[in-house]
């Protein structure tokens, strides 16, 4: 699980533009309920960011080997950030999922705006957010499950090879 964050003051316009474009695909910008925002709503968020104390960017990227779908990344990102912001009354965020099924490196970007006291994070805060994301994604369990499936697949293939070899031997 990779969770990165940085912050700055001023408009979130450039960040929203970055989030909404992934290679040559357009990414839907969603609010904390998962609802797709209209252009007008996105512009209003950017307007609010200009008067907010600060903005914070988050990148949440689960392990590619866990095989998450874009919908799962969407849900888990939203759950992680909603839990994170429960005690941060001034925080508002939007996010988008950069789905990259061809490489398996799908991830989410979020832009949060609000008061500095609510968006300030120390290293321990970021570590706690990473652990929260890991729990929401249930990444460790999922990776172990995928490893067991792969092991069973390899074992089944080995058994088929032994059977074929035995059949070939029996034909002699």
N, C-alpha and C. Protein backbone atom coordinates (compact mmCIF):
# COMPACT_ATOMS: atom_id res chain seq x y z
N UNK A 1 0.85 -1.17 0.00
CA UNK A 1 0.00 0.00 0.00
C UNK A 1 0.89 1.23 0.00
N UNK A 2 0.63 2.10 -0.93
CA UNK A 2 1.33 3.38 -0.96
C UNK A 2 0.31 4.48 -0.69
N UNK A 3 0.61 5.31 0.28
CA UNK A 3 -0.21 6.49 0.55
C UNK A 3 0.77 7.66 0.64
N UNK A 4 0.59 8.60 -0.28
CA UNK A 4 1.44 9.79 -0.30
C UNK A 4 0.56 11.01 -0.14
N UNK A 5 1.17 12.08 0.37
CA UNK A 5 0.42 13.31 0.53
C UNK A 5 1.36 14.50 0.48
N UNK A 6 0.85 15.60 -0.03
CA UNK A 6 1.55 16.87 0.07
C UNK A 6 0.51 17.97 0.20
N UNK A 7 0.97 19.18 0.48
CA UNK A 7 0.02 20.26 0.69
C UNK A 7 0.55 21.55 0.11
N UNK A 8 -0.35 22.50 -0.08
CA UNK A 8 0.01 23.85 -0.51
C UNK A 8 -1.16 24.77 -0.25
N UNK A 9 -0.93 26.04 -0.43
CA UNK A 9 -2.00 27.02 -0.31
C UNK A 9 -2.41 27.45 -1.72
N UNK A 10 -3.54 28.09 -1.82
CA UNK A 10 -3.98 28.57 -3.12
C UNK A 10 -4.98 27.64 -3.77
N UNK A 11 -5.26 27.91 -5.02
CA UNK A 11 -6.27 27.18 -5.76
C UNK A 11 -5.90 25.72 -6.00
N UNK A 12 -6.91 24.88 -5.97
CA UNK A 12 -6.72 23.46 -6.29
C UNK A 12 -7.00 23.19 -7.76
N UNK A 13 -7.13 24.24 -8.56
CA UNK A 13 -7.47 24.08 -9.97
C UNK A 13 -6.52 23.18 -10.75
N UNK A 14 -5.21 23.38 -10.59
CA UNK A 14 -4.25 22.54 -11.31
C UNK A 14 -4.32 21.09 -10.85
N UNK A 15 -4.51 20.89 -9.56
CA UNK A 15 -4.62 19.53 -9.02
C UNK A 15 -5.86 18.84 -9.57
N UNK A 16 -6.98 19.55 -9.61
CA UNK A 16 -8.21 18.96 -10.14
C UNK A 16 -8.03 18.60 -11.62
N UNK A 17 -7.37 19.46 -12.37
CA UNK A 17 -7.09 19.17 -13.78
C UNK A 17 -6.25 17.90 -13.89
N UNK A 18 -5.23 17.78 -13.05
CA UNK A 18 -4.37 16.59 -13.06
C UNK A 18 -5.17 15.34 -12.71
N UNK A 19 -6.01 15.43 -11.69
CA UNK A 19 -6.81 14.27 -11.27
C UNK A 19 -7.78 13.86 -12.36
N UNK A 20 -8.33 14.82 -13.08
CA UNK A 20 -9.38 14.52 -14.07
C UNK A 20 -8.84 13.97 -15.39
N UNK A 21 -7.53 13.93 -15.55
CA UNK A 21 -6.95 13.42 -16.78
C UNK A 21 -5.93 12.34 -16.46
N UNK A 22 -6.08 11.20 -17.06
CA UNK A 22 -5.15 10.10 -16.88
C UNK A 22 -4.77 9.59 -18.25
N UNK A 23 -3.56 9.87 -18.66
CA UNK A 23 -3.11 9.56 -20.02
C UNK A 23 -4.09 10.22 -20.99
N UNK A 24 -4.78 9.45 -21.75
CA UNK A 24 -5.72 10.03 -22.71
C UNK A 24 -7.17 9.79 -22.30
N UNK A 25 -7.37 9.38 -21.05
CA UNK A 25 -8.72 9.12 -20.55
C UNK A 25 -9.18 10.23 -19.63
N UNK A 26 -10.46 10.49 -19.65
CA UNK A 26 -11.05 11.45 -18.72
C UNK A 26 -11.48 10.69 -17.48
N UNK A 27 -11.16 11.24 -16.34
CA UNK A 27 -11.47 10.61 -15.05
C UNK A 27 -12.63 11.38 -14.41
N UNK A 28 -13.60 10.65 -13.90
CA UNK A 28 -14.72 11.28 -13.21
C UNK A 28 -14.26 11.78 -11.84
N UNK A 29 -14.62 13.01 -11.53
CA UNK A 29 -14.34 13.58 -10.22
C UNK A 29 -15.58 13.34 -9.36
N UNK A 30 -15.35 12.78 -8.16
CA UNK A 30 -16.45 12.41 -7.27
C UNK A 30 -16.29 13.11 -5.93
N UNK A 31 -17.40 13.23 -5.22
CA UNK A 31 -17.36 13.83 -3.87
C UNK A 31 -17.27 12.72 -2.83
N UNK A 32 -17.34 13.10 -1.57
CA UNK A 32 -17.15 12.13 -0.47
C UNK A 32 -18.26 11.10 -0.37
N UNK A 33 -19.35 11.28 -1.10
CA UNK A 33 -20.41 10.27 -1.13
C UNK A 33 -20.26 9.34 -2.33
N UNK A 34 -19.31 9.64 -3.21
CA UNK A 34 -19.12 8.83 -4.41
C UNK A 34 -19.89 9.35 -5.61
N UNK A 35 -20.59 10.45 -5.44
CA UNK A 35 -21.39 11.01 -6.53
C UNK A 35 -20.50 11.75 -7.52
N UNK A 36 -20.72 11.51 -8.82
CA UNK A 36 -19.97 12.20 -9.86
C UNK A 36 -20.36 13.67 -9.86
N UNK A 37 -19.36 14.55 -9.89
CA UNK A 37 -19.61 15.98 -9.87
C UNK A 37 -19.76 16.53 -11.29
N UNK A 38 -20.62 17.52 -11.43
CA UNK A 38 -20.77 18.22 -12.69
C UNK A 38 -19.63 19.23 -12.83
N UNK A 39 -19.45 19.76 -14.02
CA UNK A 39 -18.43 20.79 -14.23
C UNK A 39 -18.66 21.99 -13.31
N UNK A 40 -19.91 22.36 -13.15
CA UNK A 40 -20.26 23.50 -12.30
C UNK A 40 -19.86 23.22 -10.84
N UNK A 41 -20.09 22.00 -10.37
CA UNK A 41 -19.73 21.63 -9.00
C UNK A 41 -18.21 21.58 -8.82
N UNK A 42 -17.52 21.14 -9.85
CA UNK A 42 -16.05 21.11 -9.78
C UNK A 42 -15.52 22.53 -9.71
N UNK A 43 -16.07 23.41 -10.55
CA UNK A 43 -15.65 24.82 -10.52
C UNK A 43 -15.93 25.45 -9.16
N UNK A 44 -17.04 25.10 -8.53
CA UNK A 44 -17.37 25.63 -7.21
C UNK A 44 -16.36 25.14 -6.17
N UNK A 45 -15.95 23.87 -6.26
CA UNK A 45 -14.93 23.33 -5.34
C UNK A 45 -13.62 24.10 -5.52
N UNK A 46 -13.22 24.31 -6.76
CA UNK A 46 -11.99 25.06 -7.03
C UNK A 46 -12.11 26.47 -6.46
N UNK A 47 -13.28 27.09 -6.62
CA UNK A 47 -13.50 28.42 -6.05
C UNK A 47 -13.35 28.42 -4.54
N UNK A 48 -13.90 27.41 -3.88
CA UNK A 48 -13.77 27.32 -2.42
C UNK A 48 -12.32 27.09 -2.01
N UNK A 49 -11.57 26.39 -2.85
CA UNK A 49 -10.16 26.12 -2.54
C UNK A 49 -9.34 27.41 -2.51
N UNK A 50 -9.76 28.40 -3.27
CA UNK A 50 -9.02 29.66 -3.34
C UNK A 50 -9.10 30.44 -2.04
N UNK A 51 -10.13 30.20 -1.24
CA UNK A 51 -10.27 30.91 0.04
C UNK A 51 -9.97 30.00 1.24
N UNK A 52 -9.74 28.72 0.98
CA UNK A 52 -9.41 27.79 2.07
C UNK A 52 -7.99 28.07 2.56
N UNK A 53 -7.71 27.69 3.81
CA UNK A 53 -6.37 27.88 4.35
C UNK A 53 -5.32 27.11 3.55
N UNK A 54 -5.68 25.90 3.17
CA UNK A 54 -4.73 25.07 2.44
C UNK A 54 -5.45 23.96 1.71
N UNK A 55 -4.71 23.30 0.84
CA UNK A 55 -5.20 22.11 0.15
C UNK A 55 -4.19 20.99 0.36
N UNK A 56 -4.69 19.77 0.35
CA UNK A 56 -3.82 18.60 0.52
C UNK A 56 -4.17 17.60 -0.56
N UNK A 57 -3.13 17.07 -1.18
CA UNK A 57 -3.30 16.02 -2.18
C UNK A 57 -2.98 14.68 -1.53
N UNK A 58 -3.77 13.67 -1.88
CA UNK A 58 -3.50 12.30 -1.45
C UNK A 58 -3.40 11.42 -2.69
N UNK A 59 -2.50 10.47 -2.63
CA UNK A 59 -2.43 9.40 -3.62
C UNK A 59 -2.54 8.11 -2.84
N UNK A 60 -3.50 7.29 -3.20
CA UNK A 60 -3.69 6.00 -2.53
C UNK A 60 -3.58 4.92 -3.59
N UNK A 61 -2.56 4.07 -3.44
CA UNK A 61 -2.28 3.05 -4.44
C UNK A 61 -2.09 1.69 -3.77
N UNK A 62 -3.05 0.81 -3.93
CA UNK A 62 -2.89 -0.54 -3.35
C UNK A 62 -1.87 -1.35 -4.15
N UNK A 63 -1.40 -2.40 -3.54
CA UNK A 63 -0.44 -3.28 -4.19
C UNK A 63 -1.04 -3.82 -5.49
N UNK A 64 -0.34 -3.65 -6.62
CA UNK A 64 -0.88 -4.13 -7.90
C UNK A 64 -1.14 -5.64 -7.91
N UNK A 65 -0.37 -6.38 -7.12
CA UNK A 65 -0.55 -7.84 -7.07
C UNK A 65 -1.86 -8.26 -6.43
N UNK A 66 -2.52 -7.34 -5.73
CA UNK A 66 -3.79 -7.66 -5.08
C UNK A 66 -4.95 -7.65 -6.07
N UNK A 67 -4.77 -7.09 -7.24
CA UNK A 67 -5.77 -7.17 -8.31
C UNK A 67 -7.06 -6.43 -8.05
N UNK A 68 -7.01 -5.23 -7.48
CA UNK A 68 -8.23 -4.47 -7.21
C UNK A 68 -8.82 -3.90 -8.49
N UNK A 69 -10.13 -3.86 -8.55
CA UNK A 69 -10.82 -3.21 -9.67
C UNK A 69 -10.91 -1.72 -9.37
N UNK A 70 -11.24 -0.94 -10.40
CA UNK A 70 -11.42 0.50 -10.21
C UNK A 70 -12.55 0.77 -9.20
N UNK A 71 -13.61 -0.01 -9.26
CA UNK A 71 -14.74 0.17 -8.33
C UNK A 71 -14.30 -0.11 -6.89
N UNK A 72 -13.47 -1.10 -6.69
CA UNK A 72 -12.99 -1.41 -5.33
C UNK A 72 -12.07 -0.29 -4.82
N UNK A 73 -11.22 0.22 -5.70
CA UNK A 73 -10.34 1.32 -5.29
C UNK A 73 -11.18 2.55 -4.95
N UNK A 74 -12.20 2.81 -5.75
CA UNK A 74 -13.12 3.93 -5.49
C UNK A 74 -13.72 3.79 -4.09
N UNK A 75 -14.33 2.67 -3.80
CA UNK A 75 -15.01 2.44 -2.52
C UNK A 75 -14.05 2.51 -1.35
N UNK A 76 -12.91 1.85 -1.45
CA UNK A 76 -11.96 1.82 -0.34
C UNK A 76 -11.31 3.18 -0.10
N UNK A 77 -11.04 3.92 -1.17
CA UNK A 77 -10.49 5.26 -1.03
C UNK A 77 -11.48 6.15 -0.30
N UNK A 78 -12.71 6.11 -0.75
CA UNK A 78 -13.76 6.93 -0.13
C UNK A 78 -13.92 6.56 1.35
N UNK A 79 -13.96 5.29 1.66
CA UNK A 79 -14.10 4.85 3.06
C UNK A 79 -12.92 5.32 3.90
N UNK A 80 -11.72 5.20 3.35
CA UNK A 80 -10.52 5.62 4.07
C UNK A 80 -10.56 7.11 4.37
N UNK A 81 -10.86 7.91 3.35
CA UNK A 81 -10.85 9.37 3.54
C UNK A 81 -12.03 9.85 4.39
N UNK A 82 -13.18 9.20 4.26
CA UNK A 82 -14.31 9.59 5.11
C UNK A 82 -14.01 9.31 6.57
N UNK A 83 -13.38 8.19 6.84
CA UNK A 83 -13.00 7.88 8.22
C UNK A 83 -11.96 8.87 8.73
N UNK A 84 -11.00 9.20 7.87
CA UNK A 84 -9.94 10.15 8.24
C UNK A 84 -10.51 11.52 8.60
N UNK A 85 -11.50 11.98 7.86
CA UNK A 85 -11.99 13.35 8.04
C UNK A 85 -13.09 13.49 9.09
N UNK A 86 -13.46 12.42 9.78
CA UNK A 86 -14.57 12.50 10.74
C UNK A 86 -14.37 13.57 11.80
N UNK A 87 -13.15 13.80 12.24
CA UNK A 87 -12.90 14.80 13.28
C UNK A 87 -12.24 16.05 12.70
N UNK A 88 -12.50 16.29 11.42
CA UNK A 88 -11.93 17.45 10.73
C UNK A 88 -13.07 18.21 10.07
N UNK A 89 -13.80 19.02 10.83
CA UNK A 89 -15.05 19.62 10.34
C UNK A 89 -14.91 20.51 9.12
N UNK A 90 -13.75 21.13 8.92
CA UNK A 90 -13.62 22.04 7.79
C UNK A 90 -13.23 21.34 6.49
N UNK A 91 -12.89 20.07 6.56
CA UNK A 91 -12.35 19.37 5.39
C UNK A 91 -13.45 18.93 4.43
N UNK A 92 -13.17 19.18 3.17
CA UNK A 92 -14.02 18.74 2.06
C UNK A 92 -13.05 18.16 1.04
N UNK A 93 -13.42 17.07 0.39
CA UNK A 93 -12.52 16.51 -0.61
C UNK A 93 -13.28 16.00 -1.82
N UNK A 94 -12.53 15.89 -2.91
CA UNK A 94 -13.00 15.25 -4.13
C UNK A 94 -11.89 14.29 -4.55
N UNK A 95 -12.24 13.32 -5.38
CA UNK A 95 -11.24 12.34 -5.78
C UNK A 95 -11.58 11.76 -7.15
N UNK A 96 -10.60 11.08 -7.71
CA UNK A 96 -10.78 10.37 -8.96
C UNK A 96 -9.89 9.14 -8.98
N UNK A 97 -10.33 8.11 -9.67
CA UNK A 97 -9.56 6.87 -9.76
C UNK A 97 -8.91 6.79 -11.14
N UNK A 98 -7.61 6.63 -11.14
CA UNK A 98 -6.87 6.40 -12.38
C UNK A 98 -6.80 4.89 -12.58
N UNK A 99 -7.72 4.38 -13.39
CA UNK A 99 -7.82 2.94 -13.62
C UNK A 99 -6.82 2.53 -14.70
N UNK A 100 -5.95 1.63 -14.36
CA UNK A 100 -4.94 1.15 -15.31
C UNK A 100 -4.89 -0.38 -15.28
N UNK A 101 -5.96 -1.00 -15.77
CA UNK A 101 -6.02 -2.46 -15.71
C UNK A 101 -4.91 -3.14 -16.51
N UNK A 102 -4.43 -2.49 -17.57
CA UNK A 102 -3.39 -3.11 -18.39
C UNK A 102 -2.08 -3.29 -17.63
N UNK A 103 -1.78 -2.39 -16.69
CA UNK A 103 -0.55 -2.51 -15.91
C UNK A 103 -0.81 -2.99 -14.49
N UNK A 104 -2.07 -2.93 -14.06
CA UNK A 104 -2.41 -3.31 -12.68
C UNK A 104 -2.07 -2.23 -11.67
N UNK A 105 -1.66 -1.06 -12.14
CA UNK A 105 -1.23 0.00 -11.22
C UNK A 105 -2.30 1.08 -11.07
N UNK A 106 -3.53 0.66 -10.87
CA UNK A 106 -4.62 1.60 -10.63
C UNK A 106 -4.44 2.24 -9.27
N UNK A 107 -4.87 3.49 -9.16
CA UNK A 107 -4.71 4.24 -7.91
C UNK A 107 -5.70 5.39 -7.89
N UNK A 108 -5.81 6.04 -6.75
CA UNK A 108 -6.72 7.18 -6.61
C UNK A 108 -5.95 8.42 -6.21
N UNK A 109 -6.44 9.57 -6.69
CA UNK A 109 -5.93 10.87 -6.28
C UNK A 109 -7.09 11.60 -5.61
N UNK A 110 -6.78 12.34 -4.56
CA UNK A 110 -7.80 13.15 -3.90
C UNK A 110 -7.25 14.54 -3.62
N UNK A 111 -8.15 15.51 -3.68
CA UNK A 111 -7.82 16.89 -3.32
C UNK A 111 -8.72 17.26 -2.15
N UNK A 112 -8.09 17.62 -1.03
CA UNK A 112 -8.84 18.02 0.16
C UNK A 112 -8.55 19.50 0.42
N UNK A 113 -9.59 20.22 0.83
CA UNK A 113 -9.42 21.63 1.19
C UNK A 113 -10.02 21.85 2.57
N UNK A 114 -9.53 22.87 3.25
CA UNK A 114 -10.06 23.18 4.57
C UNK A 114 -9.12 24.04 5.37
N UNK A 115 -9.35 24.05 6.66
CA UNK A 115 -8.52 24.83 7.57
C UNK A 115 -7.20 24.11 7.81
N UNK A 116 -6.15 24.90 8.00
CA UNK A 116 -4.82 24.35 8.20
C UNK A 116 -4.79 23.38 9.39
N UNK A 117 -5.49 23.73 10.47
CA UNK A 117 -5.48 22.87 11.68
C UNK A 117 -6.04 21.48 11.37
N UNK A 118 -6.97 21.39 10.41
CA UNK A 118 -7.57 20.10 10.07
C UNK A 118 -6.76 19.33 9.02
N UNK A 119 -5.99 20.04 8.21
CA UNK A 119 -5.25 19.38 7.13
C UNK A 119 -3.78 19.16 7.45
N UNK A 120 -3.31 19.75 8.54
CA UNK A 120 -1.90 19.55 8.93
C UNK A 120 -1.68 18.08 9.28
N UNK A 121 -0.59 17.52 8.79
CA UNK A 121 -0.27 16.12 9.08
C UNK A 121 1.21 15.98 9.40
N UNK A 122 1.49 15.25 10.44
CA UNK A 122 2.86 14.86 10.78
C UNK A 122 3.10 13.46 10.19
N UNK A 123 4.31 12.98 10.28
CA UNK A 123 4.65 11.66 9.76
C UNK A 123 3.78 10.58 10.39
N UNK A 124 3.53 10.67 11.69
CA UNK A 124 2.69 9.68 12.38
C UNK A 124 1.27 9.68 11.83
N UNK A 125 0.77 10.87 11.46
CA UNK A 125 -0.58 10.97 10.90
C UNK A 125 -0.66 10.26 9.55
N UNK A 126 0.38 10.44 8.74
CA UNK A 126 0.41 9.78 7.44
C UNK A 126 0.54 8.26 7.59
N UNK A 127 1.33 7.84 8.55
CA UNK A 127 1.46 6.40 8.83
C UNK A 127 0.11 5.82 9.26
N UNK A 128 -0.60 6.55 10.11
CA UNK A 128 -1.93 6.10 10.56
C UNK A 128 -2.90 6.03 9.39
N UNK A 129 -2.83 7.00 8.48
CA UNK A 129 -3.71 6.98 7.31
C UNK A 129 -3.38 5.79 6.41
N UNK A 130 -2.11 5.48 6.25
CA UNK A 130 -1.70 4.32 5.44
C UNK A 130 -2.24 3.03 6.05
N UNK A 131 -2.17 2.92 7.37
CA UNK A 131 -2.71 1.73 8.04
C UNK A 131 -4.22 1.65 7.90
N UNK A 132 -4.88 2.80 8.00
CA UNK A 132 -6.33 2.86 7.81
C UNK A 132 -6.67 2.38 6.39
N UNK A 133 -5.92 2.84 5.41
CA UNK A 133 -6.15 2.42 4.02
C UNK A 133 -5.92 0.91 3.88
N UNK A 134 -4.86 0.42 4.49
CA UNK A 134 -4.56 -1.02 4.42
C UNK A 134 -5.71 -1.83 4.99
N UNK A 135 -6.29 -1.34 6.09
CA UNK A 135 -7.43 -2.03 6.70
C UNK A 135 -8.66 -1.96 5.80
N UNK A 136 -8.94 -0.79 5.25
CA UNK A 136 -10.11 -0.65 4.37
C UNK A 136 -9.98 -1.56 3.14
N UNK A 137 -8.80 -1.61 2.58
CA UNK A 137 -8.57 -2.42 1.39
C UNK A 137 -8.42 -3.90 1.74
N UNK A 138 -8.19 -4.18 3.01
CA UNK A 138 -7.94 -5.55 3.47
C UNK A 138 -6.83 -6.17 2.62
N UNK A 139 -5.80 -5.37 2.38
CA UNK A 139 -4.74 -5.72 1.45
C UNK A 139 -3.96 -6.97 1.86
N UNK A 140 -3.60 -7.05 3.13
CA UNK A 140 -2.80 -8.21 3.56
C UNK A 140 -3.56 -9.52 3.34
N UNK A 141 -4.83 -9.53 3.70
CA UNK A 141 -5.65 -10.73 3.53
C UNK A 141 -5.79 -11.07 2.05
N UNK A 142 -6.04 -10.06 1.26
CA UNK A 142 -6.23 -10.27 -0.17
C UNK A 142 -4.95 -10.80 -0.83
N UNK A 143 -3.81 -10.25 -0.46
CA UNK A 143 -2.55 -10.72 -1.04
C UNK A 143 -2.29 -12.17 -0.64
N UNK A 144 -2.55 -12.50 0.63
CA UNK A 144 -2.34 -13.90 1.06
C UNK A 144 -3.28 -14.83 0.31
N UNK A 145 -4.53 -14.41 0.10
CA UNK A 145 -5.51 -15.23 -0.63
C UNK A 145 -5.06 -15.45 -2.05
N UNK A 146 -4.58 -14.40 -2.71
CA UNK A 146 -4.12 -14.53 -4.10
C UNK A 146 -2.89 -15.44 -4.17
N UNK A 147 -2.01 -15.36 -3.16
CA UNK A 147 -0.84 -16.23 -3.14
C UNK A 147 -1.27 -17.69 -3.02
N UNK A 148 -2.28 -17.95 -2.16
CA UNK A 148 -2.75 -19.34 -2.01
C UNK A 148 -3.37 -19.84 -3.31
N UNK A 149 -4.12 -18.99 -4.00
CA UNK A 149 -4.72 -19.38 -5.28
C UNK A 149 -3.62 -19.68 -6.28
N UNK A 150 -2.59 -18.84 -6.33
CA UNK A 150 -1.48 -19.06 -7.25
C UNK A 150 -0.75 -20.36 -6.90
N UNK A 151 -0.56 -20.60 -5.60
CA UNK A 151 0.10 -21.84 -5.19
C UNK A 151 -0.72 -23.06 -5.61
N UNK A 152 -2.05 -22.98 -5.42
CA UNK A 152 -2.91 -24.09 -5.83
C UNK A 152 -2.86 -24.27 -7.34
N UNK A 153 -2.80 -23.18 -8.07
CA UNK A 153 -2.74 -23.24 -9.52
C UNK A 153 -1.44 -23.92 -9.97
N UNK A 154 -0.34 -23.55 -9.33
CA UNK A 154 0.95 -24.16 -9.67
C UNK A 154 0.92 -25.64 -9.32
N UNK A 155 0.38 -25.98 -8.15
CA UNK A 155 0.30 -27.38 -7.74
C UNK A 155 -0.56 -28.18 -8.71
N UNK A 156 -1.68 -27.62 -9.14
CA UNK A 156 -2.56 -28.31 -10.09
C UNK A 156 -1.85 -28.52 -11.41
N UNK A 157 -1.10 -27.53 -11.87
CA UNK A 157 -0.36 -27.66 -13.12
C UNK A 157 0.72 -28.74 -13.00
N UNK A 158 1.41 -28.78 -11.87
CA UNK A 158 2.43 -29.80 -11.64
C UNK A 158 1.80 -31.19 -11.68
N UNK A 159 0.61 -31.33 -11.04
CA UNK A 159 -0.08 -32.62 -11.03
C UNK A 159 -0.46 -33.04 -12.45
N UNK A 160 -0.92 -32.08 -13.27
CA UNK A 160 -1.26 -32.40 -14.66
C UNK A 160 -0.02 -32.85 -15.43
N UNK A 161 1.11 -32.22 -15.17
CA UNK A 161 2.35 -32.61 -15.85
C UNK A 161 2.76 -34.03 -15.44
N UNK A 162 2.63 -34.35 -14.17
CA UNK A 162 2.98 -35.69 -13.70
C UNK A 162 2.05 -36.72 -14.34
N UNK A 163 0.76 -36.39 -14.41
CA UNK A 163 -0.21 -37.29 -15.02
C UNK A 163 0.11 -37.51 -16.49
N UNK A 164 0.42 -36.41 -17.21
CA UNK A 164 0.78 -36.54 -18.63
C UNK A 164 2.04 -37.38 -18.80
N UNK A 165 3.02 -37.15 -17.92
CA UNK A 165 4.26 -37.92 -18.01
C UNK A 165 3.98 -39.41 -17.75
N UNK A 166 3.12 -39.69 -16.77
CA UNK A 166 2.77 -41.07 -16.46
C UNK A 166 2.04 -41.70 -17.64
N UNK A 167 1.12 -40.95 -18.24
CA UNK A 167 0.40 -41.47 -19.41
C UNK A 167 1.35 -41.73 -20.56
N UNK A 168 2.29 -40.84 -20.75
CA UNK A 168 3.30 -41.04 -21.82
C UNK A 168 4.13 -42.27 -21.53
N UNK A 169 4.48 -42.49 -20.27
CA UNK A 169 5.26 -43.63 -19.88
C UNK A 169 4.46 -44.92 -20.09
N UNK A 170 3.17 -44.87 -19.74
CA UNK A 170 2.31 -46.04 -19.89
C UNK A 170 2.16 -46.42 -21.36
N UNK A 171 2.27 -45.43 -22.27
CA UNK A 171 2.15 -45.72 -23.69
C UNK A 171 3.36 -46.44 -24.27
N UNK A 172 4.45 -46.45 -23.53
CA UNK A 172 5.69 -47.07 -24.03
C UNK A 172 5.61 -48.56 -23.97
